[in-house]
Amino acid sequence: MPTLHICPLSRLPETVAVSGASHLVTLATLGSTVERPAAIRPEHHLRVGFSDIVAPMEGHLPPGEAHVRAVLDFVAAWPREKPMVLHCYAGISRSTAAAFAASCALQPYRDEAELARELRRLAPSATPNRLFVEIADRLLGRQGRMSAAIAEIGRGAEAFEGTPFQFTLA
């Protein structure tokens, strides 16, 4: 079964190596430098640059439709023969939002609340970026159910960074 692996930047090389991933999504602040692990081919690495904010803030770029669409398009094109890793700086907000959106996109028959509860079970510190989820919800035609599901699980446990985890896609 295909899997999505989510981790913080500090655990990226290890997560790629252990998972055997072929594809990588980097969600980082615009202009951040992230070294692509050698196991990932350049054309299988998507870099999406935005700040982890939910409202405009001077000097920062919030997630927008182009960012979310890029992630959803990349995930849709992923052959799913080997795992995909999604990471951000802390592995708590941007990457968990993208993983939740990817899970909803790749499993349109699954209930959003069920997926959000699974996210919380797998990653107690996960606090998906609400704006990213809201945009994905609209693009996927989920009629607010994704946003409601993330609101239902609430803010995750306080943590400096998340612990790597994986979503198995049914």
Protein backbone atom coordinates (compact mmCIF):
# COMPACT_ATOMS: atom_id res chain seq x y z
CA MET A 1 0.00 0.00 0.00
CA PRO A 2 1.25 3.51 -0.71
CA THR A 3 2.45 5.57 2.24
CA LEU A 4 3.07 9.21 3.02
CA HIS A 5 5.86 9.88 5.52
CA ILE A 6 5.84 13.17 7.41
CA CYS A 7 8.83 14.59 9.27
CA PRO A 8 10.68 17.71 10.37
CA LEU A 9 13.70 19.00 8.42
CA SER A 10 16.08 17.63 11.08
CA ARG A 11 14.88 14.07 10.35
CA LEU A 12 14.64 14.36 6.54
CA PRO A 13 17.69 12.28 5.50
CA GLU A 14 16.81 9.54 7.99
CA THR A 15 13.13 9.46 6.96
CA VAL A 16 13.94 9.25 3.25
CA ALA A 17 16.47 6.45 3.89
CA VAL A 18 14.26 4.40 6.21
CA SER A 19 11.10 4.79 4.08
CA GLY A 20 12.74 4.13 0.72
CA ALA A 21 10.84 7.12 -0.66
CA SER A 22 11.06 8.07 -4.33
CA HIS A 23 9.26 11.43 -4.06
CA LEU A 24 9.69 14.41 -1.73
CA VAL A 25 7.68 17.53 -0.93
CA THR A 26 9.51 20.36 0.85
CA LEU A 27 7.26 22.99 2.42
CA ALA A 28 9.54 25.76 3.65
CA THR A 29 9.67 29.50 4.04
CA LEU A 30 10.33 31.16 0.70
CA GLY A 31 14.07 31.35 0.11
CA SER A 32 15.00 28.58 2.56
CA THR A 33 17.69 26.22 1.42
CA VAL A 34 16.98 22.53 1.84
CA GLU A 35 19.43 19.93 0.58
CA ARG A 36 17.68 17.23 -1.41
CA PRO A 37 18.70 13.73 -0.26
CA ALA A 38 20.65 11.92 -3.01
CA ALA A 39 18.08 9.11 -3.11
CA ILE A 40 15.48 11.55 -4.48
CA ARG A 41 15.77 12.44 -8.16
CA PRO A 42 15.55 16.21 -8.82
CA GLU A 43 12.35 15.83 -10.86
CA HIS A 44 10.74 13.96 -7.96
CA HIS A 45 11.31 16.82 -5.51
CA LEU A 46 8.69 19.55 -5.18
CA ARG A 47 9.70 22.70 -3.30
CA VAL A 48 6.86 24.96 -2.18
CA GLY A 49 7.78 28.19 -0.43
CA PHE A 50 5.47 29.95 2.02
CA SER A 51 5.44 30.91 5.67
CA ASP A 52 3.55 28.98 8.30
CA ILE A 53 0.94 31.67 8.87
CA VAL A 54 -2.82 31.85 8.36
CA ALA A 55 -3.20 35.62 7.83
CA PRO A 56 -1.12 38.24 6.03
CA MET A 57 1.97 39.36 7.94
CA GLU A 58 4.59 41.82 6.78
CA GLY A 59 7.63 40.09 5.34
CA HIS A 60 5.86 36.72 5.09
CA LEU A 61 3.91 34.87 2.42
CA PRO A 62 0.86 32.88 3.55
CA PRO A 63 -0.11 29.71 1.71
CA GLY A 64 -2.11 30.46 -1.42
CA GLU A 65 -4.03 28.57 -4.04
CA ALA A 66 -0.94 28.12 -6.26
CA HIS A 67 0.95 26.49 -3.36
CA VAL A 68 -1.85 24.08 -2.53
CA ARG A 69 -2.53 23.29 -6.18
CA ALA A 70 1.18 22.52 -6.73
CA VAL A 71 1.14 20.00 -3.86
CA LEU A 72 -2.12 18.40 -5.00
CA ASP A 73 -0.91 18.13 -8.61
CA PHE A 74 2.43 16.63 -7.53
CA VAL A 75 0.69 14.10 -5.29
CA ALA A 76 -1.77 13.18 -8.07
CA ALA A 77 1.16 12.49 -10.46
CA TRP A 78 3.03 10.36 -7.88
CA PRO A 79 3.04 6.74 -9.14
CA ARG A 80 2.65 5.38 -5.57
CA GLU A 81 5.06 2.49 -6.17
CA LYS A 82 7.35 3.80 -3.42
CA PRO A 83 6.59 6.12 -0.47
CA MET A 84 6.50 9.91 -0.57
CA VAL A 85 7.99 12.11 2.16
CA LEU A 86 6.47 15.48 3.05
CA HIS A 87 8.39 17.74 5.39
CA CYS A 88 8.53 21.27 6.72
CA TYR A 89 10.82 22.86 9.26
CA ALA A 90 9.16 21.42 12.38
CA GLY A 91 6.98 18.66 10.92
CA ILE A 92 3.97 20.06 12.77
CA SER A 93 1.95 22.46 10.62
CA ARG A 94 2.73 22.82 6.90
CA SER A 95 3.66 19.19 6.32
CA THR A 96 0.72 17.81 8.30
CA ALA A 97 -1.66 20.10 6.39
CA ALA A 98 -0.21 18.89 3.09
CA ALA A 99 -0.37 15.24 4.20
CA PHE A 100 -3.99 15.63 5.28
CA ALA A 101 -4.85 17.31 1.96
CA ALA A 102 -2.99 14.59 0.03
CA SER A 103 -4.83 11.88 1.97
CA CYS A 104 -8.16 13.48 1.17
CA ALA A 105 -7.24 13.92 -2.50
CA LEU A 106 -6.00 10.36 -2.96
CA GLN A 107 -8.87 8.82 -0.98
CA PRO A 108 -11.97 10.77 -2.02
CA TYR A 109 -14.22 8.03 -0.60
CA ARG A 110 -12.84 8.44 2.96
CA ASP A 111 -14.46 10.60 5.60
CA GLU A 112 -12.53 13.79 6.41
CA ALA A 113 -13.19 13.51 10.15
CA GLU A 114 -11.91 9.93 10.16
CA LEU A 115 -8.71 11.02 8.38
CA ALA A 116 -8.24 13.93 10.80
CA ARG A 117 -8.67 11.63 13.81
CA GLU A 118 -6.13 9.25 12.28
CA LEU A 119 -3.74 12.19 11.86
CA ARG A 120 -4.16 13.11 15.53
CA ARG A 121 -3.60 9.47 16.62
CA LEU A 122 -0.43 9.19 14.53
CA ALA A 123 0.93 12.66 15.34
CA PRO A 124 -0.15 14.10 18.71
CA SER A 125 1.68 17.39 17.97
CA ALA A 126 0.14 17.87 14.50
CA THR A 127 -1.44 21.30 14.08
CA PRO A 128 -2.20 21.50 10.35
CA ASN A 129 -2.02 24.98 8.85
CA ARG A 130 -5.70 25.99 8.75
CA LEU A 131 -5.36 28.22 5.69
CA PHE A 132 -3.66 25.49 3.64
CA VAL A 133 -6.43 23.05 4.65
CA GLU A 134 -9.15 25.62 3.86
CA ILE A 135 -7.76 26.15 0.35
CA ALA A 136 -7.39 22.39 -0.24
CA ASP A 137 -10.94 21.87 1.01
CA ARG A 138 -12.22 24.30 -1.64
CA LEU A 139 -10.03 22.90 -4.45
CA LEU A 140 -11.09 19.33 -3.68
CA GLY A 141 -14.78 20.25 -3.42
CA ARG A 142 -15.05 18.93 0.13
CA GLN A 143 -17.54 21.69 1.07
CA GLY A 144 -15.92 22.69 4.35
CA ARG A 145 -15.64 19.16 5.73
CA MET A 146 -11.83 19.17 5.74
CA SER A 147 -11.69 22.45 7.65
CA ALA A 148 -14.32 21.25 10.11
CA ALA A 149 -12.43 18.00 10.69
CA ILE A 150 -9.19 19.84 11.47
CA ALA A 151 -11.05 22.26 13.77
CA GLU A 152 -12.53 19.23 15.54
CA ILE A 153 -9.14 17.70 16.40
CA GLY A 154 -7.87 21.10 17.58
CA ARG A 155 -4.34 22.19 18.26
CA GLY A 156 -1.80 19.46 18.80
CA ALA A 157 0.38 18.92 21.84
CA GLU A 158 3.16 21.47 22.37
CA ALA A 159 6.41 20.35 20.78
CA PHE A 160 9.58 21.86 19.34
CA GLU A 161 9.26 19.50 16.40
CA GLY A 162 7.09 16.62 15.38
CA THR A 163 8.04 12.97 15.48
CA PRO A 164 8.15 11.30 12.04
CA PHE A 165 5.06 9.28 11.20
CA GLN A 166 3.36 7.72 8.22
CA PHE A 167 -0.09 7.73 6.69
CA THR A 168 -1.00 4.48 4.91
CA LEU A 169 -3.35 5.07 2.02
CA ALA A 170 -6.14 2.54 1.56
